[in-house]
């Protein structure tokens, strides 16, 4: 089984029946552990909030991360033309996940205005709303998934609050991504996994005793896909 439960970093967990679904047979337990929150967040951001459709241009900022790596695959599964923005080390990974266009943010600026996108999922929160809106189509949707650098809190929150206010005055839609635990979303993502359209990316695994080391790695902000804690 995989799903949602209260608590973390423990040998045992108790989950409600309506918060879990069967583990796809194709996944290892480590891969399955990477799925619930990140994959459902990506699905919600691209399909539900972003309303991405076949043929639309969809950009995922932070495409090499946990949510981003799933979001690229979800958008591709919906038939969108996907652009992923990531670091140099993740370019080939993001391309392998289904993004025909991959931009290395260390050398390229997707906000230069050359291309406009129907949907942007921003997992990073390092750019101003004005710059992001500048590369949205007139009726485009910007989905804000918090993000921000490790240790920063008020930066992402301030961006989300500005987006709520800006929505009152612009034709584009600026939508903070709500957080929730939804079994239907779990079934949808495991369905995509079963169809071979969605694969978890696991960067590293750490045994339970080395959880602190794993957290330090995540806090550096350069994890590729998900980091998983294993229990022997």
C-alpha atoms as a PDB file:
ATOM      1  CA  UNK A   1       0.000   0.000   0.000  1.00  0.00           C
ATOM      2  CA  UNK A   2       0.972   3.648  -0.411  1.00  0.00           C
ATOM      3  CA  UNK A   3      -0.745   6.799   0.734  1.00  0.00           C
ATOM      4  CA  UNK A   4      -0.976   9.474   3.402  1.00  0.00           C
ATOM      5  CA  UNK A   5      -0.603   9.245   7.164  1.00  0.00           C
ATOM      6  CA  UNK A   6       0.328  11.371  10.144  1.00  0.00           C
ATOM      7  CA  UNK A   7       3.880  11.126  11.407  1.00  0.00           C
ATOM      8  CA  UNK A   8       7.239  10.508   9.779  1.00  0.00           C
ATOM      9  CA  UNK A   9      10.585   8.768  10.125  1.00  0.00           C
ATOM     10  CA  UNK A  10       9.280   5.762  12.016  1.00  0.00           C
ATOM     11  CA  UNK A  11       9.309   1.980  11.652  1.00  0.00           C
ATOM     12  CA  UNK A  12       5.507   1.807  11.773  1.00  0.00           C
ATOM     13  CA  UNK A  13       2.691   4.127  10.719  1.00  0.00           C
ATOM     14  CA  UNK A  14      -1.078   3.980  11.015  1.00  0.00           C
ATOM     15  CA  UNK A  15      -3.077   5.218   8.025  1.00  0.00           C
ATOM     16  CA  UNK A  16      -6.810   5.628   7.476  1.00  0.00           C
ATOM     17  CA  UNK A  17      -8.308   3.178   4.990  1.00  0.00           C
ATOM     18  CA  UNK A  18      -9.505   5.970   2.707  1.00  0.00           C
ATOM     19  CA  UNK A  19      -6.006   7.488   2.502  1.00  0.00           C
ATOM     20  CA  UNK A  20      -4.195   4.531   0.957  1.00  0.00           C
ATOM     21  CA  UNK A  21      -4.252   2.632  -2.340  1.00  0.00           C
ATOM     22  CA  UNK A  22      -2.557  -0.572  -3.551  1.00  0.00           C
ATOM     23  CA  UNK A  23       1.096  -0.248  -4.513  1.00  0.00           C
ATOM     24  CA  UNK A  24       1.612  -0.742  -8.256  1.00  0.00           C
ATOM     25  CA  UNK A  25       3.392  -4.047  -8.800  1.00  0.00           C
ATOM     26  CA  UNK A  26       5.937  -2.364 -11.064  1.00  0.00           C
ATOM     27  CA  UNK A  27       7.301  -0.200  -8.246  1.00  0.00           C
ATOM     28  CA  UNK A  28       9.846  -1.030  -5.610  1.00  0.00           C
ATOM     29  CA  UNK A  29       8.944   0.002  -2.080  1.00  0.00           C
ATOM     30  CA  UNK A  30      11.487   2.833  -2.317  1.00  0.00           C
ATOM     31  CA  UNK A  31       9.846   4.126  -5.486  1.00  0.00           C
ATOM     32  CA  UNK A  32       6.395   3.796  -3.948  1.00  0.00           C
ATOM     33  CA  UNK A  33       7.480   5.902  -0.970  1.00  0.00           C
ATOM     34  CA  UNK A  34       8.321   8.734  -3.381  1.00  0.00           C
ATOM     35  CA  UNK A  35       4.856   8.848  -4.916  1.00  0.00           C
ATOM     36  CA  UNK A  36       2.032  10.074  -2.649  1.00  0.00           C
ATOM     37  CA  UNK A  37       2.552  13.762  -1.863  1.00  0.00           C
ATOM     38  CA  UNK A  38       4.786  14.745  -4.777  1.00  0.00           C
ATOM     39  CA  UNK A  39       2.844  12.945  -7.513  1.00  0.00           C
ATOM     40  CA  UNK A  40      -0.595  14.079  -6.364  1.00  0.00           C
ATOM     41  CA  UNK A  41       0.680  17.651  -6.012  1.00  0.00           C
ATOM     42  CA  UNK A  42       1.969  17.517  -9.580  1.00  0.00           C
ATOM     43  CA  UNK A  43      -1.311  16.069 -10.849  1.00  0.00           C
ATOM     44  CA  UNK A  44      -3.321  18.744  -9.052  1.00  0.00           C
ATOM     45  CA  UNK A  45      -1.075  21.523 -10.327  1.00  0.00           C
ATOM     46  CA  UNK A  46      -1.002  20.468 -13.967  1.00  0.00           C
ATOM     47  CA  UNK A  47      -4.377  18.801 -14.542  1.00  0.00           C
ATOM     48  CA  UNK A  48      -6.750  20.389 -12.038  1.00  0.00           C
ATOM     49  CA  UNK A  49      -5.495  23.902 -11.272  1.00  0.00           C
ATOM     50  CA  UNK A  50      -3.541  24.437 -14.489  1.00  0.00           C
ATOM     51  CA  UNK A  51      -6.206  22.725 -16.610  1.00  0.00           C
ATOM     52  CA  UNK A  52      -3.521  21.661 -19.092  1.00  0.00           C
ATOM     53  CA  UNK A  53      -4.815  20.243 -22.357  1.00  0.00           C
ATOM     54  CA  UNK A  54      -3.360  18.456 -25.357  1.00  0.00           C
ATOM     55  CA  UNK A  55      -1.424  20.796 -27.601  1.00  0.00           C
ATOM     56  CA  UNK A  56      -0.958  23.521 -25.004  1.00  0.00           C
ATOM     57  CA  UNK A  57       2.464  24.831 -24.032  1.00  0.00           C
ATOM     58  CA  UNK A  58       3.224  23.898 -20.427  1.00  0.00           C
ATOM     59  CA  UNK A  59       6.335  25.035 -18.560  1.00  0.00           C
ATOM     60  CA  UNK A  60       7.517  23.408 -15.330  1.00  0.00           C
ATOM     61  CA  UNK A  61       9.985  25.514 -13.337  1.00  0.00           C
ATOM     62  CA  UNK A  62      11.983  23.276 -11.037  1.00  0.00           C
ATOM     63  CA  UNK A  63      11.478  20.291 -13.322  1.00  0.00           C
ATOM     64  CA  UNK A  64      14.237  18.207 -11.775  1.00  0.00           C
ATOM     65  CA  UNK A  65      12.794  18.190  -8.265  1.00  0.00           C
ATOM     66  CA  UNK A  66      10.298  15.932  -6.554  1.00  0.00           C
ATOM     67  CA  UNK A  67       7.089  17.595  -7.734  1.00  0.00           C
ATOM     68  CA  UNK A  68       8.639  18.883 -10.951  1.00  0.00           C
ATOM     69  CA  UNK A  69       9.787  15.484 -12.177  1.00  0.00           C
ATOM     70  CA  UNK A  70       6.244  14.167 -11.785  1.00  0.00           C
ATOM     71  CA  UNK A  71       4.709  17.317 -13.303  1.00  0.00           C
ATOM     72  CA  UNK A  72       6.709  16.955 -16.526  1.00  0.00           C
ATOM     73  CA  UNK A  73       5.391  13.416 -16.922  1.00  0.00           C
ATOM     74  CA  UNK A  74       1.783  14.357 -16.095  1.00  0.00           C
ATOM     75  CA  UNK A  75       1.830  17.189 -18.650  1.00  0.00           C
ATOM     76  CA  UNK A  76       3.321  14.890 -21.276  1.00  0.00           C
ATOM     77  CA  UNK A  77       0.673  12.243 -20.529  1.00  0.00           C
ATOM     78  CA  UNK A  78      -2.014  14.870 -21.154  1.00  0.00           C
ATOM     79  CA  UNK A  79      -0.524  15.598 -24.583  1.00  0.00           C
ATOM     80  CA  UNK A  80       0.918  19.011 -23.742  1.00  0.00           C
ATOM     81  CA  UNK A  81       4.093  20.425 -25.284  1.00  0.00           C
ATOM     82  CA  UNK A  82       6.326  20.460 -22.222  1.00  0.00           C
ATOM     83  CA  UNK A  83       9.229  22.731 -21.379  1.00  0.00           C
ATOM     84  CA  UNK A  84      11.247  21.897 -18.277  1.00  0.00           C
ATOM     85  CA  UNK A  85      13.482  24.376 -16.463  1.00  0.00           C
ATOM     86  CA  UNK A  86      16.219  22.836 -14.332  1.00  0.00           C
ATOM     87  CA  UNK A  87      19.926  22.902 -13.472  1.00  0.00           C
ATOM     88  CA  UNK A  88      22.664  21.642 -15.774  1.00  0.00           C
ATOM     89  CA  UNK A  89      22.940  18.265 -14.046  1.00  0.00           C
ATOM     90  CA  UNK A  90      19.240  17.546 -14.569  1.00  0.00           C
ATOM     91  CA  UNK A  91      18.865  18.464 -18.249  1.00  0.00           C
ATOM     92  CA  UNK A  92      19.100  14.907 -19.593  1.00  0.00           C
ATOM     93  CA  UNK A  93      16.902  13.561 -16.791  1.00  0.00           C
ATOM     94  CA  UNK A  94      14.126  16.050 -17.542  1.00  0.00           C
ATOM     95  CA  UNK A  95      14.345  15.337 -21.247  1.00  0.00           C
ATOM     96  CA  UNK A  96      14.026  11.604 -20.529  1.00  0.00           C
ATOM     97  CA  UNK A  97      10.834  12.259 -18.547  1.00  0.00           C
ATOM     98  CA  UNK A  98       9.041  13.599 -21.616  1.00  0.00           C
ATOM     99  CA  UNK A  99      10.008  17.255 -21.972  1.00  0.00           C
ATOM    100  CA  UNK A 100      11.036  17.939 -25.609  1.00  0.00           C
ATOM    101  CA  UNK A 101      12.249  21.389 -24.538  1.00  0.00           C
ATOM    102  CA  UNK A 102      14.626  21.691 -21.575  1.00  0.00           C
ATOM    103  CA  UNK A 103      16.145  24.977 -20.398  1.00  0.00           C
ATOM    104  CA  UNK A 104      19.189  25.166 -18.136  1.00  0.00           C
ATOM    105  CA  UNK A 105      18.440  28.104 -15.852  1.00  0.00           C
ATOM    106  CA  UNK A 106      22.168  28.730 -15.307  1.00  0.00           C
ATOM    107  CA  UNK A 107      22.582  29.679 -18.976  1.00  0.00           C
ATOM    108  CA  UNK A 108      19.069  30.429 -20.292  1.00  0.00           C
ATOM    109  CA  UNK A 109      16.248  32.732 -19.171  1.00  0.00           C
ATOM    110  CA  UNK A 110      12.767  31.457 -19.992  1.00  0.00           C
ATOM    111  CA  UNK A 111      11.309  34.854 -19.046  1.00  0.00           C
ATOM    112  CA  UNK A 112      13.003  36.576 -21.991  1.00  0.00           C
ATOM    113  CA  UNK A 113       9.617  36.703 -23.744  1.00  0.00           C
ATOM    114  CA  UNK A 114      10.479  34.694 -26.834  1.00  0.00           C
ATOM    115  CA  UNK A 115       7.861  32.035 -26.025  1.00  0.00           C
ATOM    116  CA  UNK A 116       4.578  32.318 -24.159  1.00  0.00           C
ATOM    117  CA  UNK A 117       3.031  29.444 -22.239  1.00  0.00           C
ATOM    118  CA  UNK A 118      -0.559  28.442 -21.549  1.00  0.00           C
ATOM    119  CA  UNK A 119       0.334  26.958 -18.167  1.00  0.00           C
ATOM    120  CA  UNK A 120       3.318  27.552 -15.898  1.00  0.00           C
ATOM    121  CA  UNK A 121       3.867  25.483 -12.766  1.00  0.00           C
ATOM    122  CA  UNK A 122       6.403  27.315 -10.591  1.00  0.00           C
ATOM    123  CA  UNK A 123       7.970  25.104  -7.927  1.00  0.00           C
ATOM    124  CA  UNK A 124      10.815  27.500  -7.192  1.00  0.00           C
ATOM    125  CA  UNK A 125       9.358  30.906  -6.255  1.00  0.00           C
ATOM    126  CA  UNK A 126      12.560  32.741  -7.142  1.00  0.00           C
ATOM    127  CA  UNK A 127      11.063  34.973  -9.861  1.00  0.00           C
ATOM    128  CA  UNK A 128       8.695  37.905  -9.606  1.00  0.00           C
ATOM    129  CA  UNK A 129       5.076  37.572 -10.654  1.00  0.00           C
ATOM    130  CA  UNK A 130       5.662  40.235 -13.294  1.00  0.00           C
ATOM    131  CA  UNK A 131       8.374  38.175 -14.985  1.00  0.00           C
ATOM    132  CA  UNK A 132       6.282  35.000 -14.868  1.00  0.00           C
ATOM    133  CA  UNK A 133       3.171  36.776 -16.164  1.00  0.00           C
ATOM    134  CA  UNK A 134       5.242  38.219 -18.980  1.00  0.00           C
ATOM    135  CA  UNK A 135       5.608  34.778 -20.566  1.00  0.00           C
ATOM    136  CA  UNK A 136       2.032  33.643 -20.008  1.00  0.00           C
ATOM    137  CA  UNK A 137      -0.540  33.848 -22.784  1.00  0.00           C
ATOM    138  CA  UNK A 138      -3.252  36.495 -22.185  1.00  0.00           C
ATOM    139  CA  UNK A 139      -5.548  33.832 -20.664  1.00  0.00           C
ATOM    140  CA  UNK A 140      -2.757  31.665 -19.291  1.00  0.00           C
ATOM    141  CA  UNK A 141      -2.640  30.063 -15.853  1.00  0.00           C
ATOM    142  CA  UNK A 142       0.251  30.431 -13.411  1.00  0.00           C
ATOM    143  CA  UNK A 143       0.252  27.745 -10.708  1.00  0.00           C
ATOM    144  CA  UNK A 144       2.336  28.645  -7.655  1.00  0.00           C
ATOM    145  CA  UNK A 145       3.601  25.714  -5.630  1.00  0.00           C
ATOM    146  CA  UNK A 146       5.236  27.623  -2.782  1.00  0.00           C
ATOM    147  CA  UNK A 147       8.819  26.493  -3.175  1.00  0.00           C
ATOM    148  CA  UNK A 148      11.601  28.898  -2.373  1.00  0.00           C
ATOM    149  CA  UNK A 149      15.083  28.229  -1.110  1.00  0.00           C
ATOM    150  CA  UNK A 150      15.584  26.016   1.945  1.00  0.00           C
ATOM    151  CA  UNK A 151      15.229  28.048   5.128  1.00  0.00           C
ATOM    152  CA  UNK A 152      13.169  30.793   3.466  1.00  0.00           C
ATOM    153  CA  UNK A 153       9.549  31.171   4.536  1.00  0.00           C
ATOM    154  CA  UNK A 154       8.282  34.682   3.989  1.00  0.00           C
ATOM    155  CA  UNK A 155       9.505  34.935   0.392  1.00  0.00           C
ATOM    156  CA  UNK A 156       7.149  32.256  -0.989  1.00  0.00           C
ATOM    157  CA  UNK A 157       4.288  33.360   1.264  1.00  0.00           C
ATOM    158  CA  UNK A 158       4.637  36.959   0.074  1.00  0.00           C
ATOM    159  CA  UNK A 159       4.507  35.786  -3.566  1.00  0.00           C
ATOM    160  CA  UNK A 160       1.334  33.804  -2.908  1.00  0.00           C
ATOM    161  CA  UNK A 161      -0.336  36.773  -1.229  1.00  0.00           C
ATOM    162  CA  UNK A 162       0.592  39.077  -4.109  1.00  0.00           C
ATOM    163  CA  UNK A 163      -0.858  36.543  -6.540  1.00  0.00           C
ATOM    164  CA  UNK A 164      -4.194  36.549  -4.726  1.00  0.00           C
ATOM    165  CA  UNK A 165      -4.356  40.347  -4.959  1.00  0.00           C
ATOM    166  CA  UNK A 166      -3.148  40.480  -8.590  1.00  0.00           C
ATOM    167  CA  UNK A 167      -5.919  38.070  -9.630  1.00  0.00           C
ATOM    168  CA  UNK A 168      -8.404  40.867  -9.087  1.00  0.00           C
ATOM    169  CA  UNK A 169      -6.834  42.989 -11.822  1.00  0.00           C
ATOM    170  CA  UNK A 170      -5.428  40.725 -14.561  1.00  0.00           C
ATOM    171  CA  UNK A 171      -6.918  38.515 -17.282  1.00  0.00           C
ATOM    172  CA  UNK A 172      -4.509  35.719 -16.519  1.00  0.00           C
ATOM    173  CA  UNK A 173      -5.158  33.378 -13.602  1.00  0.00           C
ATOM    174  CA  UNK A 174      -2.576  33.260 -10.804  1.00  0.00           C
ATOM    175  CA  UNK A 175      -3.384  30.283  -8.599  1.00  0.00           C
ATOM    176  CA  UNK A 176      -1.678  29.150  -5.400  1.00  0.00           C
ATOM    177  CA  UNK A 177      -1.627  25.348  -5.334  1.00  0.00           C
ATOM    178  CA  UNK A 178      -3.794  24.003  -2.505  1.00  0.00           C
ATOM    179  CA  UNK A 179      -2.474  21.197  -0.322  1.00  0.00           C
ATOM    180  CA  UNK A 180      -4.747  18.249   0.355  1.00  0.00           C
ATOM    181  CA  UNK A 181      -4.826  14.478   0.740  1.00  0.00           C
ATOM    182  CA  UNK A 182      -7.086  12.905  -1.831  1.00  0.00           C
ATOM    183  CA  UNK A 183      -7.515   9.180  -2.498  1.00  0.00           C
ATOM    184  CA  UNK A 184      -8.936   9.834  -5.968  1.00  0.00           C
ATOM    185  CA  UNK A 185      -5.695  11.600  -6.883  1.00  0.00           C
ATOM    186  CA  UNK A 186      -3.708   8.645  -5.558  1.00  0.00           C
ATOM    187  CA  UNK A 187      -5.740   6.317  -7.768  1.00  0.00           C
ATOM    188  CA  UNK A 188      -5.165   8.610 -10.748  1.00  0.00           C
ATOM    189  CA  UNK A 189      -1.383   8.672 -10.322  1.00  0.00           C
ATOM    190  CA  UNK A 190      -1.118   4.935  -9.672  1.00  0.00           C
ATOM    191  CA  UNK A 191      -3.221   4.471 -12.798  1.00  0.00           C
ATOM    192  CA  UNK A 192      -0.684   6.488 -14.787  1.00  0.00           C
ATOM    193  CA  UNK A 193       2.096   4.426 -13.248  1.00  0.00           C
ATOM    194  CA  UNK A 194       0.311   1.244 -14.283  1.00  0.00           C
ATOM    195  CA  UNK A 195       0.061   2.580 -17.847  1.00  0.00           C
ATOM    196  CA  UNK A 196       3.783   3.305 -17.920  1.00  0.00           C
ATOM    197  CA  UNK A 197       3.224   7.062 -18.148  1.00  0.00           C
ATOM    198  CA  UNK A 198       4.586   7.978 -14.719  1.00  0.00           C
ATOM    199  CA  UNK A 199       7.801   6.821 -13.047  1.00  0.00           C
ATOM    200  CA  UNK A 200       9.140   8.038  -9.684  1.00  0.00           C
ATOM    201  CA  UNK A 201      12.647   9.483  -9.709  1.00  0.00           C
ATOM    202  CA  UNK A 202      14.576   8.512  -6.573  1.00  0.00           C
ATOM    203  CA  UNK A 203      17.817  10.427  -6.117  1.00  0.00           C
ATOM    204  CA  UNK A 204      19.116   8.796  -2.952  1.00  0.00           C
ATOM    205  CA  UNK A 205      17.987   6.521  -0.153  1.00  0.00           C
ATOM    206  CA  UNK A 206      19.095   6.691   3.459  1.00  0.00           C
ATOM    207  CA  UNK A 207      18.510   4.144   6.228  1.00  0.00           C
ATOM    208  CA  UNK A 208      16.328   5.333   9.090  1.00  0.00           C
ATOM    209  CA  UNK A 209      19.372   5.788  11.330  1.00  0.00           C
ATOM    210  CA  UNK A 210      20.816   8.287   8.823  1.00  0.00           C
ATOM    211  CA  UNK A 211      17.683  10.419   8.489  1.00  0.00           C
ATOM    212  CA  UNK A 212      19.501  13.555   9.675  1.00  0.00           C
ATOM    213  CA  UNK A 213      22.076  13.138   6.899  1.00  0.00           C
ATOM    214  CA  UNK A 214      19.274  12.757   4.357  1.00  0.00           C
ATOM    215  CA  UNK A 215      17.600  15.926   5.585  1.00  0.00           C
ATOM    216  CA  UNK A 216      20.855  17.842   5.313  1.00  0.00           C
ATOM    217  CA  UNK A 217      21.144  16.717   1.694  1.00  0.00           C
ATOM    218  CA  UNK A 218      17.586  17.835   0.919  1.00  0.00           C
ATOM    219  CA  UNK A 219      18.200  21.198   2.597  1.00  0.00           C
ATOM    220  CA  UNK A 220      20.979  21.914   0.109  1.00  0.00           C
ATOM    221  CA  UNK A 221      18.206  22.338  -2.482  1.00  0.00           C
ATOM    222  CA  UNK A 222      19.773  20.196  -5.197  1.00  0.00           C
ATOM    223  CA  UNK A 223      17.983  16.868  -4.833  1.00  0.00           C
ATOM    224  CA  UNK A 224      17.045  15.176  -8.099  1.00  0.00           C
ATOM    225  CA  UNK A 225      13.544  13.791  -7.769  1.00  0.00           C
ATOM    226  CA  UNK A 226      12.883  12.399  -4.287  1.00  0.00           C
ATOM    227  CA  UNK A 227      15.009  11.354  -1.333  1.00  0.00           C
ATOM    228  CA  UNK A 228      13.661   8.289   0.491  1.00  0.00           C
ATOM    229  CA  UNK A 229      14.206   6.959   4.017  1.00  0.00           C
ATOM    230  CA  UNK A 230      14.297   3.165   4.156  1.00  0.00           C
ATOM    231  CA  UNK A 231      13.373   0.863   7.030  1.00  0.00           C
ATOM    232  CA  UNK A 232      15.105  -2.506   7.137  1.00  0.00           C
END
